[in-house]
Amino acid sequence: MEKNVGSRTLRDVKIGQTVRVKKLTGDGPVRRRIMDMGITKGVDIYVRKVAPLGDPMEVTVRGYELSLRKADAEMILV
């Protein structure tokens, strides 16, 4: 996957940081599933925990806790 210069994904965010979603990549059912979880452009995401091997990561979105796989986190540009 080719990244835009200066772009950062949710996977790159450190524990304890809050970021705002700029764009969702991916297509079809995967993108729809991410949006159904409440992750849309402009929403703030707080990174709570990351598992020892980096998968999954636990985030807070719209007041609830959510676990995301690394592959899903890479589709969220912040």
PDB file of N, CA and C in Angstrom:
ATOM      1  N   MET A   1       0.848  -1.191   0.000  1.00  0.00           N
ATOM      2  CA  MET A   1       0.000   0.000   0.000  1.00  0.00           C
ATOM      3  C   MET A   1       0.883   1.239   0.000  1.00  0.00           C
ATOM      4  N   GLU A   2       0.630   2.144  -0.898  1.00  0.00           N
ATOM      5  CA  GLU A   2       1.416   3.352  -1.008  1.00  0.00           C
ATOM      6  C   GLU A   2       0.780   4.453  -0.181  1.00  0.00           C
ATOM      7  N   LYS A   3       1.590   5.129   0.625  1.00  0.00           N
ATOM      8  CA  LYS A   3       1.074   6.201   1.469  1.00  0.00           C
ATOM      9  C   LYS A   3       1.343   7.549   0.818  1.00  0.00           C
ATOM     10  N   ASN A   4       0.462   8.497   1.095  1.00  0.00           N
ATOM     11  CA  ASN A   4       0.698   9.864   0.654  1.00  0.00           C
ATOM     12  C   ASN A   4       1.781  10.462   1.535  1.00  0.00           C
ATOM     13  N   VAL A   5       2.551  11.395   1.000  1.00  0.00           N
ATOM     14  CA  VAL A   5       3.601  12.041   1.776  1.00  0.00           C
ATOM     15  C   VAL A   5       2.958  12.807   2.927  1.00  0.00           C
ATOM     16  N   GLY A   6       3.467  12.594   4.134  1.00  0.00           N
ATOM     17  CA  GLY A   6       2.951  13.298   5.300  1.00  0.00           C
ATOM     18  C   GLY A   6       1.703  12.681   5.905  1.00  0.00           C
ATOM     19  N   SER A   7       1.188  11.611   5.334  1.00  0.00           N
ATOM     20  CA  SER A   7      -0.011  11.005   5.902  1.00  0.00           C
ATOM     21  C   SER A   7       0.383  10.014   6.987  1.00  0.00           C
ATOM     22  N   ARG A   8      -0.515   9.839   7.929  1.00  0.00           N
ATOM     23  CA  ARG A   8      -0.271   8.957   9.056  1.00  0.00           C
ATOM     24  C   ARG A   8      -1.537   8.149   9.277  1.00  0.00           C
ATOM     25  N   THR A   9      -1.369   6.885   9.602  1.00  0.00           N
ATOM     26  CA  THR A   9      -2.533   6.046   9.852  1.00  0.00           C
ATOM     27  C   THR A   9      -2.740   5.886  11.350  1.00  0.00           C
ATOM     28  N   LEU A  10      -3.894   5.379  11.719  1.00  0.00           N
ATOM     29  CA  LEU A  10      -4.203   5.148  13.126  1.00  0.00           C
ATOM     30  C   LEU A  10      -3.202   4.174  13.741  1.00  0.00           C
ATOM     31  N   ARG A  11      -2.682   3.271  12.946  1.00  0.00           N
ATOM     32  CA  ARG A  11      -1.708   2.300  13.457  1.00  0.00           C
ATOM     33  C   ARG A  11      -0.434   2.983  13.957  1.00  0.00           C
ATOM     34  N   ASP A  12      -0.096   4.154  13.419  1.00  0.00           N
ATOM     35  CA  ASP A  12       1.126   4.872  13.792  1.00  0.00           C
ATOM     36  C   ASP A  12       0.982   5.694  15.069  1.00  0.00           C
ATOM     37  N   VAL A  13      -0.228   5.833  15.576  1.00  0.00           N
ATOM     38  CA  VAL A  13      -0.496   6.685  16.733  1.00  0.00           C
ATOM     39  C   VAL A  13      -0.051   5.974  18.014  1.00  0.00           C
ATOM     40  N   LYS A  14       0.566   6.733  18.918  1.00  0.00           N
ATOM     41  CA  LYS A  14       1.065   6.181  20.180  1.00  0.00           C
ATOM     42  C   LYS A  14      -0.052   6.127  21.228  1.00  0.00           C
ATOM     43  N   ILE A  15       0.124   5.257  22.210  1.00  0.00           N
ATOM     44  CA  ILE A  15      -0.829   5.127  23.311  1.00  0.00           C
ATOM     45  C   ILE A  15      -0.959   6.471  24.032  1.00  0.00           C
ATOM     46  N   GLY A  16      -2.195   6.848  24.345  1.00  0.00           N
ATOM     47  CA  GLY A  16      -2.455   8.089  25.069  1.00  0.00           C
ATOM     48  C   GLY A  16      -2.712   9.294  24.179  1.00  0.00           C
ATOM     49  N   GLN A  17      -2.563   9.139  22.875  1.00  0.00           N
ATOM     50  CA  GLN A  17      -2.800  10.264  21.964  1.00  0.00           C
ATOM     51  C   GLN A  17      -4.236  10.264  21.456  1.00  0.00           C
ATOM     52  N   THR A  18      -4.742  11.450  21.188  1.00  0.00           N
ATOM     53  CA  THR A  18      -6.046  11.612  20.552  1.00  0.00           C
ATOM     54  C   THR A  18      -5.810  12.218  19.176  1.00  0.00           C
ATOM     55  N   VAL A  19      -6.437  11.631  18.175  1.00  0.00           N
ATOM     56  CA  VAL A  19      -6.272  12.108  16.797  1.00  0.00           C
ATOM     57  C   VAL A  19      -7.646  12.262  16.143  1.00  0.00           C
ATOM     58  N   ARG A  20      -7.686  13.010  15.056  1.00  0.00           N
ATOM     59  CA  ARG A  20      -8.927  13.213  14.304  1.00  0.00           C
ATOM     60  C   ARG A  20      -8.805  12.514  12.954  1.00  0.00           C
ATOM     61  N   VAL A  21      -9.857  11.810  12.568  1.00  0.00           N
ATOM     62  CA  VAL A  21      -9.865  11.077  11.302  1.00  0.00           C
ATOM     63  C   VAL A  21      -9.932  12.063  10.140  1.00  0.00           C
ATOM     64  N   LYS A  22      -9.000  11.902   9.178  1.00  0.00           N
ATOM     65  CA  LYS A  22      -8.995  12.736   7.978  1.00  0.00           C
ATOM     66  C   LYS A  22      -9.691  12.034   6.820  1.00  0.00           C
ATOM     67  N   LYS A  23      -9.459  10.706   6.719  1.00  0.00           N
ATOM     68  CA  LYS A  23      -9.984   9.978   5.566  1.00  0.00           C
ATOM     69  C   LYS A  23      -9.980   8.489   5.850  1.00  0.00           C
ATOM     70  N   LEU A  24     -10.935   7.777   5.254  1.00  0.00           N
ATOM     71  CA  LEU A  24     -10.956   6.317   5.313  1.00  0.00           C
ATOM     72  C   LEU A  24     -10.554   5.785   3.942  1.00  0.00           C
ATOM     73  N   THR A  25      -9.597   4.867   3.923  1.00  0.00           N
ATOM     74  CA  THR A  25      -9.224   4.236   2.660  1.00  0.00           C
ATOM     75  C   THR A  25      -9.902   2.869   2.625  1.00  0.00           C
ATOM     76  N   GLY A  26      -9.571   2.069   1.662  1.00  0.00           N
ATOM     77  CA  GLY A  26     -10.228   0.769   1.534  1.00  0.00           C
ATOM     78  C   GLY A  26     -11.537   0.940   0.780  1.00  0.00           C
ATOM     79  N   ASP A  27     -12.176  -0.179   0.480  1.00  0.00           N
ATOM     80  CA  ASP A  27     -13.422  -0.068  -0.264  1.00  0.00           C
ATOM     81  C   ASP A  27     -14.401  -1.170   0.120  1.00  0.00           C
ATOM     82  N   GLY A  28     -15.619  -0.981  -0.317  1.00  0.00           N
ATOM     83  CA  GLY A  28     -16.645  -1.992  -0.145  1.00  0.00           C
ATOM     84  C   GLY A  28     -16.982  -2.315   1.291  1.00  0.00           C
ATOM     85  N   PRO A  29     -17.159  -3.607   1.579  1.00  0.00           N
ATOM     86  CA  PRO A  29     -17.642  -4.040   2.892  1.00  0.00           C
ATOM     87  C   PRO A  29     -16.706  -3.682   4.053  1.00  0.00           C
ATOM     88  N   VAL A  30     -15.405  -3.658   3.808  1.00  0.00           N
ATOM     89  CA  VAL A  30     -14.471  -3.335   4.884  1.00  0.00           C
ATOM     90  C   VAL A  30     -14.639  -1.883   5.317  1.00  0.00           C
ATOM     91  N   ARG A  31     -14.693  -0.979   4.357  1.00  0.00           N
ATOM     92  CA  ARG A  31     -14.895   0.439   4.675  1.00  0.00           C
ATOM     93  C   ARG A  31     -16.244   0.655   5.351  1.00  0.00           C
ATOM     94  N   ARG A  32     -17.272  -0.019   4.871  1.00  0.00           N
ATOM     95  CA  ARG A  32     -18.612   0.085   5.454  1.00  0.00           C
ATOM     96  C   ARG A  32     -18.604  -0.371   6.921  1.00  0.00           C
ATOM     97  N   ARG A  33     -17.881  -1.462   7.195  1.00  0.00           N
ATOM     98  CA  ARG A  33     -17.803  -1.983   8.563  1.00  0.00           C
ATOM     99  C   ARG A  33     -17.126  -0.977   9.491  1.00  0.00           C
ATOM    100  N   ILE A  34     -16.052  -0.340   9.017  1.00  0.00           N
ATOM    101  CA  ILE A  34     -15.358   0.667   9.823  1.00  0.00           C
ATOM    102  C   ILE A  34     -16.301   1.841  10.110  1.00  0.00           C
ATOM    103  N   MET A  35     -17.039   2.266   9.100  1.00  0.00           N
ATOM    104  CA  MET A  35     -17.983   3.368   9.294  1.00  0.00           C
ATOM    105  C   MET A  35     -19.120   2.969  10.241  1.00  0.00           C
ATOM    106  N   ASP A  36     -19.566   1.727  10.161  1.00  0.00           N
ATOM    107  CA  ASP A  36     -20.621   1.244  11.057  1.00  0.00           C
ATOM    108  C   ASP A  36     -20.167   1.230  12.516  1.00  0.00           C
ATOM    109  N   MET A  37     -18.864   1.131  12.738  1.00  0.00           N
ATOM    110  CA  MET A  37     -18.328   1.167  14.101  1.00  0.00           C
ATOM    111  C   MET A  37     -18.271   2.586  14.651  1.00  0.00           C
ATOM    112  N   GLY A  38     -18.629   3.569  13.830  1.00  0.00           N
ATOM    113  CA  GLY A  38     -18.640   4.960  14.280  1.00  0.00           C
ATOM    114  C   GLY A  38     -17.411   5.744  13.878  1.00  0.00           C
ATOM    115  N   ILE A  39     -16.531   5.139  13.109  1.00  0.00           N
ATOM    116  CA  ILE A  39     -15.315   5.827  12.670  1.00  0.00           C
ATOM    117  C   ILE A  39     -15.590   6.475  11.320  1.00  0.00           C
ATOM    118  N   THR A  40     -15.768   7.784  11.351  1.00  0.00           N
ATOM    119  CA  THR A  40     -16.047   8.550  10.140  1.00  0.00           C
ATOM    120  C   THR A  40     -15.135   9.776  10.113  1.00  0.00           C
ATOM    121  N   LYS A  41     -15.078  10.436   8.977  1.00  0.00           N
ATOM    122  CA  LYS A  41     -14.236  11.620   8.821  1.00  0.00           C
ATOM    123  C   LYS A  41     -14.613  12.675   9.859  1.00  0.00           C
ATOM    124  N   GLY A  42     -13.596  13.223  10.535  1.00  0.00           N
ATOM    125  CA  GLY A  42     -13.815  14.294  11.498  1.00  0.00           C
ATOM    126  C   GLY A  42     -13.984  13.843  12.941  1.00  0.00           C
ATOM    127  N   VAL A  43     -14.158  12.543  13.176  1.00  0.00           N
ATOM    128  CA  VAL A  43     -14.358  12.057  14.547  1.00  0.00           C
ATOM    129  C   VAL A  43     -13.007  11.921  15.254  1.00  0.00           C
ATOM    130  N   ASP A  44     -12.991  12.178  16.577  1.00  0.00           N
ATOM    131  CA  ASP A  44     -11.776  12.031  17.372  1.00  0.00           C
ATOM    132  C   ASP A  44     -11.656  10.592  17.872  1.00  0.00           C
ATOM    133  N   ILE A  45     -10.431  10.084  17.866  1.00  0.00           N
ATOM    134  CA  ILE A  45     -10.145   8.727  18.351  1.00  0.00           C
ATOM    135  C   ILE A  45      -9.021   8.824  19.372  1.00  0.00           C
ATOM    136  N   TYR A  46      -9.261   8.241  20.558  1.00  0.00           N
ATOM    137  CA  TYR A  46      -8.252   8.185  21.614  1.00  0.00           C
ATOM    138  C   TYR A  46      -7.691   6.765  21.668  1.00  0.00           C
ATOM    139  N   VAL A  47      -6.372   6.630  21.587  1.00  0.00           N
ATOM    140  CA  VAL A  47      -5.738   5.315  21.620  1.00  0.00           C
ATOM    141  C   VAL A  47      -5.475   4.946  23.082  1.00  0.00           C
ATOM    142  N   ARG A  48      -6.196   3.917  23.563  1.00  0.00           N
ATOM    143  CA  ARG A  48      -6.094   3.492  24.964  1.00  0.00           C
ATOM    144  C   ARG A  48      -4.992   2.476  25.200  1.00  0.00           C
ATOM    145  N   LYS A  49      -4.973   1.419  24.413  1.00  0.00           N
ATOM    146  CA  LYS A  49      -4.005   0.333  24.623  1.00  0.00           C
ATOM    147  C   LYS A  49      -3.647  -0.287  23.289  1.00  0.00           C
ATOM    148  N   VAL A  50      -2.474  -0.903  23.260  1.00  0.00           N
ATOM    149  CA  VAL A  50      -2.077  -1.700  22.101  1.00  0.00           C
ATOM    150  C   VAL A  50      -1.543  -3.017  22.658  1.00  0.00           C
ATOM    151  N   ALA A  51      -1.995  -4.127  22.113  1.00  0.00           N
ATOM    152  CA  ALA A  51      -1.541  -5.446  22.564  1.00  0.00           C
ATOM    153  C   ALA A  51      -0.030  -5.564  22.377  1.00  0.00           C
ATOM    154  N   PRO A  52       0.623  -6.438  23.152  1.00  0.00           N
ATOM    155  CA  PRO A  52       2.087  -6.568  23.077  1.00  0.00           C
ATOM    156  C   PRO A  52       2.638  -6.768  21.666  1.00  0.00           C
ATOM    157  N   LEU A  53       1.944  -7.504  20.828  1.00  0.00           N
ATOM    158  CA  LEU A  53       2.421  -7.696  19.456  1.00  0.00           C
ATOM    159  C   LEU A  53       1.793  -6.690  18.485  1.00  0.00           C
ATOM    160  N   GLY A  54       1.069  -5.711  19.034  1.00  0.00           N
ATOM    161  CA  GLY A  54       0.502  -4.650  18.212  1.00  0.00           C
ATOM    162  C   GLY A  54      -0.860  -4.952  17.620  1.00  0.00           C
ATOM    163  N   ASP A  55      -1.412  -6.107  17.897  1.00  0.00           N
ATOM    164  CA  ASP A  55      -2.700  -6.457  17.294  1.00  0.00           C
ATOM    165  C   ASP A  55      -3.559  -7.195  18.311  1.00  0.00           C
ATOM    166  N   PRO A  56      -4.702  -6.745  18.710  1.00  0.00           N
ATOM    167  CA  PRO A  56      -5.384  -5.533  18.257  1.00  0.00           C
ATOM    168  C   PRO A  56      -4.997  -4.311  19.084  1.00  0.00           C
ATOM    169  N   MET A  57      -5.568  -3.168  18.720  1.00  0.00           N
ATOM    170  CA  MET A  57      -5.402  -1.956  19.508  1.00  0.00           C
ATOM    171  C   MET A  57      -6.772  -1.558  20.034  1.00  0.00           C
ATOM    172  N   GLU A  58      -6.793  -0.983  21.221  1.00  0.00           N
ATOM    173  CA  GLU A  58      -8.052  -0.576  21.832  1.00  0.00           C
ATOM    174  C   GLU A  58      -8.147   0.942  21.792  1.00  0.00           C
ATOM    175  N   VAL A  59      -9.262   1.438  21.259  1.00  0.00           N
ATOM    176  CA  VAL A  59      -9.459   2.879  21.113  1.00  0.00           C
ATOM    177  C   VAL A  59     -10.809   3.279  21.700  1.00  0.00           C
ATOM    178  N   THR A  60     -10.953   4.569  21.963  1.00  0.00           N
ATOM    179  CA  THR A  60     -12.236   5.120  22.388  1.00  0.00           C
ATOM    180  C   THR A  60     -12.741   6.020  21.270  1.00  0.00           C
ATOM    181  N   VAL A  61     -13.942   5.723  20.786  1.00  0.00           N
ATOM    182  CA  VAL A  61     -14.566   6.475  19.698  1.00  0.00           C
ATOM    183  C   VAL A  61     -15.994   6.807  20.109  1.00  0.00           C
ATOM    184  N   ARG A  62     -16.355   8.086  20.039  1.00  0.00           N
ATOM    185  CA  ARG A  62     -17.726   8.515  20.354  1.00  0.00           C
ATOM    186  C   ARG A  62     -18.203   8.004  21.717  1.00  0.00           C
ATOM    187  N   GLY A  63     -17.275   7.933  22.686  1.00  0.00           N
ATOM    188  CA  GLY A  63     -17.650   7.557  24.042  1.00  0.00           C
ATOM    189  C   GLY A  63     -17.694   6.071  24.331  1.00  0.00           C
ATOM    190  N   TYR A  64     -17.336   5.226  23.374  1.00  0.00           N
ATOM    191  CA  TYR A  64     -17.303   3.792  23.667  1.00  0.00           C
ATOM    192  C   TYR A  64     -15.966   3.192  23.255  1.00  0.00           C
ATOM    193  N   GLU A  65     -15.635   2.058  23.865  1.00  0.00           N
ATOM    194  CA  GLU A  65     -14.366   1.396  23.601  1.00  0.00           C
ATOM    195  C   GLU A  65     -14.513   0.400  22.464  1.00  0.00           C
ATOM    196  N   LEU A  66     -13.474   0.325  21.656  1.00  0.00           N
ATOM    197  CA  LEU A  66     -13.514  -0.484  20.455  1.00  0.00           C
ATOM    198  C   LEU A  66     -12.140  -1.104  20.236  1.00  0.00           C
ATOM    199  N   SER A  67     -12.107  -2.355  19.813  1.00  0.00           N
ATOM    200  CA  SER A  67     -10.843  -3.007  19.460  1.00  0.00           C
ATOM    201  C   SER A  67     -10.747  -3.092  17.945  1.00  0.00           C
ATOM    202  N   LEU A  68      -9.588  -2.710  17.421  1.00  0.00           N
ATOM    203  CA  LEU A  68      -9.360  -2.720  15.973  1.00  0.00           C
ATOM    204  C   LEU A  68      -8.145  -3.562  15.630  1.00  0.00           C
ATOM    205  N   ARG A  69      -8.229  -4.291  14.541  1.00  0.00           N
ATOM    206  CA  ARG A  69      -7.071  -5.013  14.035  1.00  0.00           C
ATOM    207  C   ARG A  69      -6.115  -4.031  13.364  1.00  0.00           C
ATOM    208  N   LYS A  70      -4.848  -4.424  13.267  1.00  0.00           N
ATOM    209  CA  LYS A  70      -3.847  -3.578  12.610  1.00  0.00           C
ATOM    210  C   LYS A  70      -4.261  -3.261  11.176  1.00  0.00           C
ATOM    211  N   ALA A  71      -4.780  -4.258  10.482  1.00  0.00           N
ATOM    212  CA  ALA A  71      -5.171  -4.070   9.082  1.00  0.00           C
ATOM    213  C   ALA A  71      -6.258  -3.000   8.952  1.00  0.00           C
ATOM    214  N   ASP A  72      -7.199  -2.973   9.911  1.00  0.00           N
ATOM    215  CA  ASP A  72      -8.250  -1.955   9.879  1.00  0.00           C
ATOM    216  C   ASP A  72      -7.687  -0.588  10.232  1.00  0.00           C
ATOM    217  N   ALA A  73      -6.796  -0.551  11.221  1.00  0.00           N
ATOM    218  CA  ALA A  73      -6.199   0.721  11.656  1.00  0.00           C
ATOM    219  C   ALA A  73      -5.400   1.366  10.532  1.00  0.00           C
ATOM    220  N   GLU A  74      -4.818   0.553   9.646  1.00  0.00           N
ATOM    221  CA  GLU A  74      -4.030   1.107   8.540  1.00  0.00           C
ATOM    222  C   GLU A  74      -4.906   1.783   7.491  1.00  0.00           C
ATOM    223  N   MET A  75      -6.195   1.522   7.506  1.00  0.00           N
ATOM    224  CA  MET A  75      -7.103   2.132   6.534  1.00  0.00           C
ATOM    225  C   MET A  75      -7.657   3.471   7.011  1.00  0.00           C
ATOM    226  N   ILE A  76      -7.282   3.881   8.208  1.00  0.00           N
ATOM    227  CA  ILE A  76      -7.797   5.120   8.794  1.00  0.00           C
ATOM    228  C   ILE A  76      -6.681   6.153   8.812  1.00  0.00           C
ATOM    229  N   LEU A  77      -6.781   7.172   7.967  1.00  0.00           N
ATOM    230  CA  LEU A  77      -5.791   8.240   7.923  1.00  0.00           C
ATOM    231  C   LEU A  77      -6.153   9.299   8.946  1.00  0.00           C
ATOM    232  N   VAL A  78      -5.143   9.720   9.726  1.00  0.00           N
ATOM    233  CA  VAL A  78      -5.381  10.712  10.783  1.00  0.00           C
ATOM    234  C   VAL A  78      -4.456  11.894  10.613  1.00  0.00           C
TER     235      VAL A  78
END
